[in-house]
């Protein structure tokens, strides 16, 4: 403006107005535009910027102090500002250096995002989910997952330190910018990996440093590039974890076993540096022969046995013991135990060796069959009691047997199981030995004679004398006078011919009663007795012998005569004795 006044001094007002309009028209200033101005004055509170308009713009000096820009500007310096208003209510222009700087930074960020260029910034503070980064006065968001290649315990060393980032997301409408430091580090790592891959080949032996240990392997640092050393490639022998042979920071020699061109992953091995002991020694071991070994590891499914350094085989759980089928292998063998094993199978393709421990021991079933026979009496200890049987450990033997509840007593009742307790010592008889199924049937009732043998020589309609044991609502329980172990129920309707005499309560324990055998099932071991049937048969015989009601005799008198005769015969027999 001052330049125009000096150049046109002395000219008329009309000419001056024309020149001023032309100058302002050429500049074409718009609100929201970034324009370049000249520092006209620097006071204590404001910096005045001349844009060639009718007035100068005043910017608070704090906008320059925050970025330390105040130290580099002076009167006459050119500077970019944002024209907020060409004229406010006071007729003055409104400009902002801070907004101009942010607008310029946003344009740079848009360009960097489009071209996938890296930007410089400083992490200034923490926020929810990440950090706030200042990139040339533009505040951006850095997610916590994008800070580093791996989770960090502390971020203090990264705060307020210039860092390189990559813009991964930009939303102009919301004014959001998302940065990633991890993407920059991945590029660096991939470049280092590519350089390293160009220098190494599969089969090459290189030096590396143990960087990290896991349960399934170790990460080896090969001059800035990570390689995986799997636990199976550390040693020819079986190890539980890499920490048994490796430590973090240890320098080791490794062999490049595989380079994946697609994923750029490198696999290395240590055991490949030495000769495979399986191929070296396997030929001297023959199938079916016994060899000394040492238990190296106990698993849930079996035991690994070392035959020599680098050569071991598996003893499956089924090959540990003849008798202990369902126990943990650790209860049969223990680590470092010296044992003898038999070679069962050699699989050279899978490098597997199947062994057997039980085949080196005598089969207890064969021994038991050789030394003992059925019907022998043994002693043993009750190991377990179930709802249907006792499981017994046979004394002086590794074998167990089962006593079914039907073999506890001739009565064959489940309640008999309640009479026995765990760890109780008992006597029993061997009923059956089944070697193919590895089962032994035992019995306790077989120690005594079968009480049912009394009825083996009897037949239906025979008369026997029994003793009353007890009574119930269903009838009375009786047993043979010679054998009190076999109880038989005489049903209530079979207690007497007359209904009024069919009362179980009229019989007392210890009372002798004559009855008739009405049924014998020898296979099912069942007998049916009846007092009623005996009375009916005696009545028929009495009528036939002493008279008939048809000839005028009274049934009571006939039976009375028969009863008197019966009593007389019994008295005579007693006197004779």
Protein backbone atom coordinates (compact mmCIF):
# COMPACT_ATOMS: atom_id res chain seq x y z
CA UNK A 1 0.00 0.00 0.00
CA UNK A 2 2.82 2.38 0.90
CA UNK A 3 4.56 1.51 -2.36
CA UNK A 4 1.49 2.50 -4.35
CA UNK A 5 1.24 5.81 -2.48
CA UNK A 6 4.89 6.64 -3.18
CA UNK A 7 4.66 5.71 -6.86
CA UNK A 8 1.50 7.77 -7.39
CA UNK A 9 2.28 10.86 -5.36
CA UNK A 10 0.80 13.96 -6.96
CA UNK A 11 -1.78 12.14 -9.03
CA UNK A 12 -5.51 12.85 -8.76
CA UNK A 13 -7.79 10.91 -6.43
CA UNK A 14 -9.55 9.25 -9.35
CA UNK A 15 -6.30 7.97 -10.81
CA UNK A 16 -5.21 6.71 -7.38
CA UNK A 17 -8.53 4.91 -6.84
CA UNK A 18 -8.18 3.24 -10.22
CA UNK A 19 -4.65 2.03 -9.51
CA UNK A 20 -5.65 0.77 -6.02
CA UNK A 21 -8.61 -1.21 -7.37
CA UNK A 22 -6.42 -2.82 -10.04
CA UNK A 23 -3.85 -3.81 -7.43
CA UNK A 24 -6.44 -5.29 -5.06
CA UNK A 25 -8.20 -7.05 -7.93
CA UNK A 26 -4.99 -8.76 -9.00
CA UNK A 27 -4.43 -10.12 -5.46
CA UNK A 28 -7.90 -11.79 -5.23
CA UNK A 29 -7.81 -12.58 -1.47
CA UNK A 30 -10.46 -15.01 -0.10
CA UNK A 31 -11.39 -15.93 3.47
CA UNK A 32 -9.87 -19.26 4.49
CA UNK A 33 -6.97 -18.75 2.08
CA UNK A 34 -3.32 -19.09 3.01
CA UNK A 35 -1.49 -15.97 1.97
CA UNK A 36 2.12 -14.79 2.21
CA UNK A 37 2.66 -11.56 4.12
CA UNK A 38 5.49 -9.43 5.43
CA UNK A 39 6.30 -8.83 9.11
CA UNK A 40 5.58 -5.18 9.57
CA UNK A 41 6.08 -4.82 13.32
CA UNK A 42 6.87 -6.95 16.39
CA UNK A 43 5.50 -5.67 19.68
CA UNK A 44 5.31 -7.26 23.16
CA UNK A 45 1.89 -8.78 22.51
CA UNK A 46 1.40 -8.93 18.74
CA UNK A 47 3.16 -9.51 15.45
CA UNK A 48 1.71 -7.33 12.69
CA UNK A 49 1.53 -8.84 9.21
CA UNK A 50 1.10 -6.76 6.03
CA UNK A 51 -0.79 -8.57 3.28
CA UNK A 52 -1.25 -5.48 1.13
CA UNK A 53 -4.78 -4.94 2.30
CA UNK A 54 -6.26 -1.84 3.85
CA UNK A 55 -5.05 -2.86 7.30
CA UNK A 56 -2.42 -5.09 8.88
CA UNK A 57 -3.25 -8.35 10.62
CA UNK A 58 -2.37 -8.70 14.29
CA UNK A 59 -1.32 -12.16 15.48
CA UNK A 60 -0.76 -12.87 19.23
CA UNK A 61 2.95 -13.37 19.83
CA UNK A 62 2.18 -16.64 21.78
CA UNK A 63 1.46 -18.37 18.41
CA UNK A 64 5.12 -17.80 17.53
CA UNK A 65 6.51 -18.58 20.95
CA UNK A 66 4.91 -22.07 21.16
CA UNK A 67 6.90 -23.23 18.16
CA UNK A 68 9.93 -21.05 18.99
CA UNK A 69 9.40 -19.34 15.65
CA UNK A 70 9.74 -15.94 17.34
CA UNK A 71 13.52 -16.40 17.42
CA UNK A 72 13.81 -16.64 13.65
CA UNK A 73 11.50 -13.87 12.42
CA UNK A 74 12.20 -10.14 12.19
CA UNK A 75 10.68 -7.06 10.57
CA UNK A 76 10.57 -7.62 6.84
CA UNK A 77 10.45 -11.42 7.04
CA UNK A 78 7.94 -13.16 4.80
CA UNK A 79 5.53 -15.51 6.51
CA UNK A 80 2.42 -17.54 5.64
CA UNK A 81 -0.83 -16.84 7.47
CA UNK A 82 -4.44 -17.95 7.20
CA UNK A 83 -6.85 -15.16 6.23
CA UNK A 84 -9.84 -15.80 8.49
CA UNK A 85 -11.72 -12.56 7.76
CA UNK A 86 -11.06 -9.78 5.28
CA UNK A 87 -12.97 -7.38 7.46
CA UNK A 88 -14.39 -7.80 10.93
CA UNK A 89 -16.89 -5.50 12.63
CA UNK A 90 -14.06 -3.11 13.44
CA UNK A 91 -13.04 -3.01 9.77
CA UNK A 92 -9.82 -4.95 10.42
CA UNK A 93 -8.52 -8.15 8.83
CA UNK A 94 -8.19 -11.31 10.97
CA UNK A 95 -5.25 -13.66 10.30
CA UNK A 96 -3.75 -16.69 12.12
CA UNK A 97 -0.25 -18.13 11.97
CA UNK A 98 -1.22 -21.30 13.94
CA UNK A 99 -4.09 -22.18 11.62
CA UNK A 100 -1.89 -21.57 8.59
CA UNK A 101 0.73 -23.87 10.03
CA UNK A 102 -1.89 -26.59 10.73
CA UNK A 103 -3.39 -26.26 7.24
CA UNK A 104 0.06 -26.54 5.73
CA UNK A 105 0.84 -29.57 7.91
CA UNK A 106 -2.45 -31.23 6.93
CA UNK A 107 -1.56 -30.80 3.23
CA UNK A 108 1.82 -32.37 3.89
CA UNK A 109 0.12 -35.27 5.72
CA UNK A 110 -2.29 -35.78 2.83
CA UNK A 111 0.64 -35.90 0.45
CA UNK A 112 2.54 -38.32 2.71
CA UNK A 113 -0.51 -40.55 3.06
CA UNK A 114 -1.09 -40.63 -0.72
CA UNK A 115 2.58 -41.38 -1.49
CA UNK A 116 3.07 -43.64 1.60
CA UNK A 117 5.92 -41.42 2.71
CA UNK A 118 7.40 -41.39 6.20
CA UNK A 119 6.99 -38.35 8.47
CA UNK A 120 8.90 -37.05 11.49
CA UNK A 121 7.12 -36.42 14.75
CA UNK A 122 7.33 -36.43 18.54
CA UNK A 123 5.22 -38.46 20.99
CA UNK A 124 4.01 -35.78 23.40
CA UNK A 125 1.50 -37.59 25.66
CA UNK A 126 -0.51 -40.72 26.40
CA UNK A 127 -4.20 -41.16 25.65
CA UNK A 128 -6.81 -43.90 25.74
CA UNK A 129 -5.65 -46.73 23.51
CA UNK A 130 -2.36 -45.12 22.51
CA UNK A 131 -0.40 -41.88 22.22
CA UNK A 132 -0.64 -38.33 20.83
CA UNK A 133 2.03 -37.44 18.27
CA UNK A 134 2.92 -33.92 17.11
CA UNK A 135 3.86 -33.87 13.43
CA UNK A 136 4.72 -30.30 12.39
CA UNK A 137 1.97 -28.85 14.67
CA UNK A 138 -0.50 -31.50 13.50
CA UNK A 139 -1.78 -33.73 16.33
CA UNK A 140 -2.06 -37.40 15.31
CA UNK A 141 -3.05 -40.65 17.01
CA UNK A 142 -0.59 -43.54 17.51
CA UNK A 143 -2.32 -46.81 18.62
CA UNK A 144 -0.54 -48.82 21.30
CA UNK A 145 -0.31 -51.84 18.97
CA UNK A 146 1.57 -49.76 16.38
CA UNK A 147 4.39 -48.53 18.62
CA UNK A 148 6.78 -51.46 18.20
CA UNK A 149 7.14 -54.90 16.63
CA UNK A 150 6.49 -56.51 20.01
CA UNK A 151 4.67 -55.37 23.17
CA UNK A 152 6.79 -53.04 25.32
CA UNK A 153 6.73 -52.92 29.11
CA UNK A 154 7.86 -49.28 29.18
CA UNK A 155 7.47 -46.39 26.72
CA UNK A 156 9.46 -43.75 28.59
CA UNK A 157 12.40 -43.96 26.20
CA UNK A 158 10.15 -43.01 23.28
CA UNK A 159 8.47 -39.96 24.83
CA UNK A 160 9.40 -36.49 23.45
CA UNK A 161 12.07 -37.99 21.22
CA UNK A 162 11.90 -37.42 17.43
CA UNK A 163 10.58 -40.57 15.74
CA UNK A 164 9.76 -41.70 12.21
CA UNK A 165 6.16 -42.70 11.47
CA UNK A 166 4.00 -43.79 8.59
CA UNK A 167 0.51 -42.39 8.01
CA UNK A 168 -1.82 -45.40 7.81
CA UNK A 169 -5.21 -43.62 8.00
CA UNK A 170 -6.46 -40.10 7.26
CA UNK A 171 -10.03 -38.84 7.72
CA UNK A 172 -10.33 -35.20 6.57
CA UNK A 173 -13.98 -34.83 7.57
CA UNK A 174 -13.31 -35.82 11.18
CA UNK A 175 -9.81 -34.44 11.21
CA UNK A 176 -8.29 -37.76 12.34
CA UNK A 177 -4.83 -38.99 11.43
CA UNK A 178 -3.53 -42.42 12.51
CA UNK A 179 0.20 -43.11 12.53
CA UNK A 180 2.27 -46.29 12.82
CA UNK A 181 5.82 -46.62 14.06
CA UNK A 182 5.63 -50.40 13.68
CA UNK A 183 5.18 -50.15 9.89
CA UNK A 184 8.45 -48.21 9.64
CA UNK A 185 10.26 -50.79 11.75
CA UNK A 186 8.83 -53.65 9.66
CA UNK A 187 10.18 -52.01 6.51
CA UNK A 188 13.61 -51.73 8.13
CA UNK A 189 13.44 -55.34 9.28
CA UNK A 190 12.31 -56.57 5.87
CA UNK A 191 15.13 -54.64 4.19
CA UNK A 192 17.63 -56.17 6.61
CA UNK A 193 16.05 -59.57 6.02
CA UNK A 194 16.29 -59.18 2.24
CA UNK A 195 19.96 -58.20 2.56
CA UNK A 196 20.59 -61.18 4.82
CA UNK A 197 18.70 -63.57 2.56
CA UNK A 198 20.81 -62.50 -0.38
CA UNK A 199 23.93 -63.45 1.55
CA UNK A 200 22.92 -66.89 2.90
CA UNK A 201 21.83 -70.18 1.34
CA UNK A 202 20.14 -73.36 2.59
CA UNK A 203 22.68 -75.75 4.09
CA UNK A 204 25.07 -72.96 5.07
CA UNK A 205 26.52 -72.86 8.61
CA UNK A 206 26.42 -69.44 10.29
CA UNK A 207 26.86 -67.92 13.75
CA UNK A 208 23.84 -66.65 15.65
CA UNK A 209 22.80 -65.35 19.05
CA UNK A 210 19.96 -66.79 21.12
CA UNK A 211 17.46 -63.92 21.27
CA UNK A 212 14.46 -65.52 22.98
CA UNK A 213 13.30 -68.91 24.34
CA UNK A 214 9.83 -70.42 24.17
CA UNK A 215 8.36 -73.84 25.02
CA UNK A 216 8.48 -74.92 21.38
CA UNK A 217 11.81 -73.46 20.31
CA UNK A 218 14.17 -70.50 20.23
CA UNK A 219 14.63 -67.36 18.14
CA UNK A 220 18.16 -66.89 16.80
CA UNK A 221 19.45 -63.47 15.77
CA UNK A 222 21.40 -63.67 12.50
CA UNK A 223 22.90 -60.18 12.19
CA UNK A 224 19.58 -58.42 12.84
CA UNK A 225 17.34 -61.05 11.24
CA UNK A 226 15.39 -63.56 13.37
CA UNK A 227 15.44 -67.26 12.56
CA UNK A 228 13.44 -70.04 14.22
CA UNK A 229 15.16 -72.96 15.91
CA UNK A 230 12.48 -75.55 16.64
CA UNK A 231 12.81 -77.71 19.75
CA UNK A 232 13.03 -80.85 17.59
CA UNK A 233 16.03 -79.36 15.75
CA UNK A 234 18.07 -78.56 18.87
CA UNK A 235 19.20 -82.09 19.72
CA UNK A 236 18.84 -85.64 18.38
CA UNK A 237 17.82 -86.61 21.90
CA UNK A 238 14.43 -85.70 23.31
CA UNK A 239 14.37 -82.57 25.50
CA UNK A 240 11.50 -81.07 27.48
CA UNK A 241 12.29 -77.43 26.75
CA UNK A 242 15.01 -75.42 24.94
CA UNK A 243 16.25 -73.97 28.24
CA UNK A 244 17.86 -77.35 28.99
CA UNK A 245 20.57 -76.66 26.37
CA UNK A 246 20.30 -72.95 25.47
CA UNK A 247 20.47 -69.60 27.29
CA UNK A 248 19.51 -66.09 26.11
CA UNK A 249 22.54 -64.25 24.75
CA UNK A 250 24.44 -67.45 23.97
CA UNK A 251 26.38 -67.50 20.67
CA UNK A 252 25.89 -70.76 18.74
CA UNK A 253 26.53 -72.23 15.33
CA UNK A 254 23.44 -73.14 13.33
CA UNK A 255 22.71 -74.65 9.97
CA UNK A 256 20.23 -73.00 7.59
CA UNK A 257 17.65 -75.74 7.03
CA UNK A 258 14.98 -73.81 5.10
CA UNK A 259 14.34 -70.36 3.59
CA UNK A 260 10.73 -69.61 2.67
CA UNK A 261 10.77 -67.28 -0.33
CA UNK A 262 7.14 -66.26 0.19
CA UNK A 263 7.10 -65.52 3.92
CA UNK A 264 10.82 -64.67 4.16
CA UNK A 265 11.07 -66.93 7.21
CA UNK A 266 14.30 -68.71 8.07
CA UNK A 267 14.51 -72.07 9.82
CA UNK A 268 17.75 -73.24 11.41
CA UNK A 269 18.97 -76.35 13.19
CA UNK A 270 21.72 -77.34 15.61
CA UNK A 271 21.42 -81.13 15.57
CA UNK A 272 22.04 -81.09 11.79
CA UNK A 273 25.66 -80.15 12.55
CA UNK A 274 26.30 -83.70 13.83
CA UNK A 275 25.63 -87.15 12.38
CA UNK A 276 22.21 -88.71 12.95
CA UNK A 277 22.76 -91.34 15.68
CA UNK A 278 19.67 -93.26 14.50
CA UNK A 279 21.17 -93.94 11.09
CA UNK A 280 24.54 -94.57 12.69
CA UNK A 281 23.49 -97.13 15.31
CA UNK A 282 20.10 -98.59 14.41
CA UNK A 283 21.50 -101.52 12.43
CA UNK A 284 23.13 -103.08 15.47
CA UNK A 285 19.77 -103.50 17.23
CA UNK A 286 17.74 -106.57 16.26
CA UNK A 287 13.99 -107.05 16.58
CA UNK A 288 13.04 -109.51 19.34
CA UNK A 289 16.27 -109.17 21.33
CA UNK A 290 16.77 -107.54 24.74
CA UNK A 291 19.08 -104.55 25.34
CA UNK A 292 19.95 -102.39 28.37
CA UNK A 293 18.54 -98.87 28.52
CA UNK A 294 17.75 -95.90 30.74
CA UNK A 295 14.40 -94.19 31.25
CA UNK A 296 14.78 -90.65 29.84
CA UNK A 297 11.24 -89.31 30.12
CA UNK A 298 7.87 -90.40 31.52
CA UNK A 299 4.74 -89.36 29.61
CA UNK A 300 1.01 -90.01 30.07
CA UNK A 301 1.01 -92.47 27.17
CA UNK A 302 4.26 -94.29 27.87
CA UNK A 303 7.96 -94.05 28.66
CA UNK A 304 10.95 -93.00 26.51
CA UNK A 305 14.00 -95.16 26.99
CA UNK A 306 17.52 -94.14 25.90
CA UNK A 307 19.59 -96.95 24.42
CA UNK A 308 22.60 -94.72 23.73
CA UNK A 309 23.36 -91.02 23.21
CA UNK A 310 20.93 -89.66 20.61
CA UNK A 311 19.03 -92.93 20.25
CA UNK A 312 15.86 -93.62 22.20
CA UNK A 313 12.61 -95.48 21.75
CA UNK A 314 9.09 -95.46 23.13
CA UNK A 315 7.70 -98.03 25.54
CA UNK A 316 3.96 -97.66 25.09
CA UNK A 317 1.74 -97.93 28.16
CA UNK A 318 0.47 -101.31 26.93
CA UNK A 319 4.04 -102.65 26.92
CA UNK A 320 4.98 -101.61 30.45
CA UNK A 321 3.31 -104.28 32.59
CA UNK A 322 1.39 -107.54 32.22
CA UNK A 323 -1.05 -106.61 34.94
CA UNK A 324 -1.02 -102.78 35.47
CA UNK A 325 -3.04 -101.78 32.43
CA UNK A 326 -4.77 -98.60 33.58
CA UNK A 327 -2.14 -96.97 35.78
CA UNK A 328 0.09 -94.00 35.00
CA UNK A 329 3.48 -95.03 33.51
CA UNK A 330 5.18 -93.12 36.35
CA UNK A 331 3.89 -95.75 38.80
CA UNK A 332 5.68 -98.49 36.86
CA UNK A 333 8.98 -96.84 35.90
CA UNK A 334 10.80 -93.66 36.94
CA UNK A 335 13.24 -91.28 35.23
CA UNK A 336 16.92 -92.41 35.14
CA UNK A 337 15.94 -95.98 36.05
CA UNK A 338 18.14 -98.64 34.46
CA UNK A 339 16.03 -101.29 32.74
CA UNK A 340 16.15 -103.97 30.06
CA UNK A 341 13.94 -103.62 26.99
CA UNK A 342 13.02 -105.65 23.96
CA UNK A 343 13.02 -104.28 20.40
CA UNK A 344 9.53 -104.63 18.91
CA UNK A 345 9.70 -102.52 15.75
CA UNK A 346 12.08 -100.28 13.75
CA UNK A 347 10.64 -97.57 11.50
CA UNK A 348 13.49 -95.94 9.59
CA UNK A 349 11.23 -93.55 7.63
CA UNK A 350 9.69 -92.04 10.78
CA UNK A 351 12.85 -92.65 12.85
CA UNK A 352 10.83 -94.49 15.46
CA UNK A 353 11.83 -97.34 17.73
CA UNK A 354 9.14 -99.35 19.54
CA UNK A 355 10.21 -101.08 22.74
CA UNK A 356 8.69 -103.43 25.31
CA UNK A 357 9.49 -103.68 28.99
CA UNK A 358 7.00 -106.37 29.98
CA UNK A 359 8.41 -108.85 27.44
CA UNK A 360 11.64 -108.93 29.43
CA UNK A 361 9.67 -110.11 32.48
CA UNK A 362 7.93 -113.44 33.06
CA UNK A 363 4.23 -113.39 32.25
CA UNK A 364 2.48 -113.75 35.64
CA UNK A 365 -0.53 -115.32 33.93
CA UNK A 366 1.60 -118.08 32.45
CA UNK A 367 3.28 -118.61 35.80
CA UNK A 368 -0.03 -118.70 37.67
CA UNK A 369 -1.52 -121.19 35.21
CA UNK A 370 1.57 -123.35 35.57
CA UNK A 371 1.74 -123.32 39.37
CA UNK A 372 -1.96 -123.35 40.30
CA UNK A 373 -5.18 -125.07 39.37
CA UNK A 374 -8.87 -124.42 39.77
CA UNK A 375 -10.53 -125.16 43.13
CA UNK A 376 -7.38 -124.25 45.06
CA UNK A 377 -7.90 -122.26 48.26
CA UNK A 378 -6.09 -118.91 48.50
CA UNK A 379 -5.84 -115.86 50.71
CA UNK A 380 -6.00 -112.27 49.54
CA UNK A 381 -6.85 -108.65 50.29
CA UNK A 382 -9.93 -106.79 49.10
CA UNK A 383 -8.72 -103.92 46.86
CA UNK A 384 -12.06 -102.54 45.76
CA UNK A 385 -15.80 -103.04 46.32
CA UNK A 386 -18.37 -102.26 43.63
CA UNK A 387 -22.14 -102.66 43.40
CA UNK A 388 -21.79 -106.16 42.02
CA UNK A 389 -18.48 -107.68 43.16
CA UNK A 390 -15.33 -107.71 45.27
CA UNK A 391 -11.95 -107.21 43.57
CA UNK A 392 -9.26 -109.08 45.41
CA UNK A 393 -5.46 -109.06 45.25
CA UNK A 394 -4.29 -112.69 45.37
CA UNK A 395 -1.57 -113.25 47.98
CA UNK A 396 1.96 -114.08 46.66
CA UNK A 397 0.89 -113.09 43.14
CA UNK A 398 0.72 -109.99 40.91
CA UNK A 399 -2.77 -110.93 39.77
CA UNK A 400 -6.18 -109.80 40.89
CA UNK A 401 -9.43 -111.70 40.84
CA UNK A 402 -13.13 -110.96 41.09
CA UNK A 403 -15.72 -112.39 43.47
CA UNK A 404 -19.23 -111.79 42.17
CA UNK A 405 -21.89 -111.20 44.80
CA UNK A 406 -23.52 -114.50 43.70
CA UNK A 407 -20.29 -116.28 44.72
CA UNK A 408 -20.23 -114.77 48.21
CA UNK A 409 -23.05 -116.86 49.66
CA UNK A 410 -25.31 -119.69 48.53
CA UNK A 411 -28.21 -117.32 49.10
CA UNK A 412 -26.83 -115.17 46.23
CA UNK A 413 -28.00 -111.84 47.65
CA UNK A 414 -26.43 -108.43 46.84
CA UNK A 415 -26.68 -107.53 50.52
CA UNK A 416 -23.81 -109.94 51.16
CA UNK A 417 -21.43 -107.26 49.84
CA UNK A 418 -22.17 -105.15 52.91
CA UNK A 419 -20.43 -107.73 55.12
CA UNK A 420 -17.02 -106.94 53.60
CA UNK A 421 -14.66 -103.95 53.83
CA UNK A 422 -11.75 -102.63 51.78
CA UNK A 423 -8.28 -104.02 52.75
CA UNK A 424 -9.95 -106.93 54.54
CA UNK A 425 -8.11 -110.25 54.28
CA UNK A 426 -10.28 -113.15 53.15
CA UNK A 427 -10.09 -116.78 52.02
CA UNK A 428 -11.54 -117.91 48.72
CA UNK A 429 -11.45 -120.59 46.08
CA UNK A 430 -10.36 -120.23 42.44
CA UNK A 431 -13.40 -121.03 40.32
CA UNK A 432 -12.08 -120.20 36.82
CA UNK A 433 -8.85 -118.96 35.19
CA UNK A 434 -9.31 -117.31 31.76
CA UNK A 435 -5.82 -116.50 30.46
CA UNK A 436 -6.85 -115.07 27.03
CA UNK A 437 -9.15 -112.53 28.73
CA UNK A 438 -6.80 -112.24 31.73
CA UNK A 439 -9.59 -112.81 34.24
CA UNK A 440 -9.77 -114.91 37.38
CA UNK A 441 -13.11 -115.82 38.94
CA UNK A 442 -13.04 -116.40 42.67
CA UNK A 443 -15.63 -117.64 45.15
CA UNK A 444 -16.20 -117.72 48.90
CA UNK A 445 -19.39 -119.78 49.04
CA UNK A 446 -17.52 -122.63 47.32
CA UNK A 447 -15.53 -123.13 50.51
CA UNK A 448 -18.67 -124.77 52.01
CA UNK A 449 -20.86 -127.55 50.68
CA UNK A 450 -23.80 -126.55 48.58
CA UNK A 451 -26.91 -126.61 50.82
CA UNK A 452 -29.02 -127.29 47.76
CA UNK A 453 -27.43 -130.72 47.45
CA UNK A 454 -30.06 -131.93 49.96
CA UNK A 455 -32.71 -131.45 47.28
CA UNK A 456 -30.68 -133.01 44.46
CA UNK A 457 -31.84 -136.47 45.47
CA UNK A 458 -35.36 -135.32 46.30
CA UNK A 459 -38.39 -135.22 44.07
CA UNK A 460 -41.75 -133.48 43.95
CA UNK A 461 -44.31 -134.83 46.48
CA UNK A 462 -41.61 -135.92 48.97
CA UNK A 463 -42.32 -135.01 52.58
CA UNK A 464 -39.58 -133.26 54.60
CA UNK A 465 -39.26 -131.76 58.08
CA UNK A 466 -38.10 -128.15 58.33
CA UNK A 467 -37.43 -125.66 61.15
CA UNK A 468 -39.07 -122.23 61.25
CA UNK A 469 -36.52 -119.41 61.04
CA UNK A 470 -38.80 -116.36 60.98
CA UNK A 471 -42.18 -115.13 59.82
CA UNK A 472 -43.37 -112.22 57.71
CA UNK A 473 -46.54 -110.95 56.04
CA UNK A 474 -45.75 -113.08 53.00
CA UNK A 475 -45.30 -116.34 54.91
CA UNK A 476 -42.63 -118.11 56.95
CA UNK A 477 -38.94 -118.73 56.27
CA UNK A 478 -37.75 -122.25 57.02
CA UNK A 479 -34.56 -124.27 56.61
CA UNK A 480 -33.67 -127.96 56.50
CA UNK A 481 -32.92 -129.51 59.88
CA UNK A 482 -29.53 -130.70 58.58
CA UNK A 483 -28.53 -127.47 56.80
CA UNK A 484 -29.40 -124.06 58.14
CA UNK A 485 -27.77 -122.06 55.32
CA UNK A 486 -30.52 -122.51 52.76
CA UNK A 487 -33.67 -120.59 53.67
CA UNK A 488 -36.93 -121.28 51.87
CA UNK A 489 -40.12 -119.22 51.93
CA UNK A 490 -43.43 -121.06 52.45
CA UNK A 491 -46.04 -118.64 51.14
CA UNK A 492 -48.92 -117.55 53.32
CA UNK A 493 -51.58 -119.35 51.23
CA UNK A 494 -49.55 -122.59 51.62
CA UNK A 495 -49.41 -122.58 55.43
CA UNK A 496 -52.66 -124.45 56.02
CA UNK A 497 -55.63 -125.99 54.29
CA UNK A 498 -58.09 -123.87 56.18
CA UNK A 499 -57.93 -120.07 55.52
CA UNK A 500 -58.29 -119.21 59.20
CA UNK A 501 -55.11 -121.19 59.93
CA UNK A 502 -53.03 -119.43 57.26
CA UNK A 503 -51.60 -117.01 59.77
CA UNK A 504 -47.75 -116.73 59.78
CA UNK A 505 -47.90 -115.55 63.39
CA UNK A 506 -49.00 -118.96 64.67
CA UNK A 507 -45.54 -120.30 63.79
CA UNK A 508 -42.65 -119.56 66.14
CA UNK A 509 -38.89 -119.69 65.41
CA UNK A 510 -37.39 -123.13 66.13
CA UNK A 511 -40.68 -124.95 65.55
CA UNK A 512 -40.47 -128.13 63.48
CA UNK A 513 -42.96 -128.40 60.66
CA UNK A 514 -43.70 -131.14 58.16
CA UNK A 515 -44.32 -130.00 54.60
CA UNK A 516 -44.54 -131.30 51.02
CA UNK A 517 -42.14 -130.50 48.14
CA UNK A 518 -44.36 -129.07 45.38
CA UNK A 519 -41.64 -127.86 42.96
CA UNK A 520 -37.89 -128.35 42.35
CA UNK A 521 -35.92 -126.27 39.75
CA UNK A 522 -32.40 -127.64 40.00
CA UNK A 523 -30.92 -125.31 37.38
CA UNK A 524 -32.38 -122.19 39.02
CA UNK A 525 -31.81 -123.62 42.50
CA UNK A 526 -35.43 -123.05 43.54
CA UNK A 527 -37.69 -125.14 45.80
CA UNK A 528 -41.38 -124.68 46.64
CA UNK A 529 -42.78 -126.15 49.91
CA UNK A 530 -46.38 -126.43 51.11
CA UNK A 531 -47.97 -127.39 54.43
CA UNK A 532 -51.37 -127.07 52.80
CA UNK A 533 -50.56 -129.67 50.16
CA UNK A 534 -49.39 -132.09 52.84
CA UNK A 535 -52.62 -131.64 54.84
CA UNK A 536 -54.70 -132.17 51.71
CA UNK A 537 -52.82 -135.34 50.83
CA UNK A 538 -53.14 -136.67 54.39
CA UNK A 539 -56.85 -135.90 54.34
CA UNK A 540 -57.31 -137.88 51.16
CA UNK A 541 -55.33 -140.81 52.52
CA UNK A 542 -57.31 -140.76 55.80
CA UNK A 543 -60.64 -140.82 54.01
CA UNK A 544 -59.49 -143.67 51.87
CA UNK A 545 -58.20 -145.68 54.84
CA UNK A 546 -60.61 -144.92 57.66
CA UNK A 547 -63.89 -144.25 56.02
CA UNK A 548 -65.84 -142.22 53.61
CA UNK A 549 -68.26 -139.37 54.16
CA UNK A 550 -70.53 -141.02 51.61
CA UNK A 551 -71.08 -144.01 53.98
CA UNK A 552 -72.24 -141.70 56.77
CA UNK A 553 -68.85 -140.95 58.41
CA UNK A 554 -68.05 -137.42 59.61
CA UNK A 555 -64.86 -135.91 58.14
CA UNK A 556 -63.78 -134.61 61.55
CA UNK A 557 -64.07 -138.06 63.11
CA UNK A 558 -62.13 -139.64 60.26
CA UNK A 559 -59.30 -137.17 60.55
CA UNK A 560 -59.36 -137.50 64.35
CA UNK A 561 -58.80 -141.27 64.09
CA UNK A 562 -55.94 -140.69 61.60
CA UNK A 563 -54.36 -138.10 63.84
CA UNK A 564 -54.54 -140.38 66.90
CA UNK A 565 -52.95 -143.17 64.94
CA UNK A 566 -50.20 -140.84 63.75
CA UNK A 567 -49.45 -139.70 67.32
CA UNK A 568 -49.44 -143.30 68.55
CA UNK A 569 -46.91 -144.30 65.90
CA UNK A 570 -44.63 -141.39 66.86
CA UNK A 571 -44.87 -142.29 70.60
CA UNK A 572 -44.05 -145.92 69.84
CA UNK A 573 -41.03 -144.92 67.81
CA UNK A 574 -39.74 -142.72 70.69
CA UNK A 575 -40.15 -145.61 73.20
CA UNK A 576 -38.35 -147.96 70.88
CA UNK A 577 -35.48 -145.55 70.74
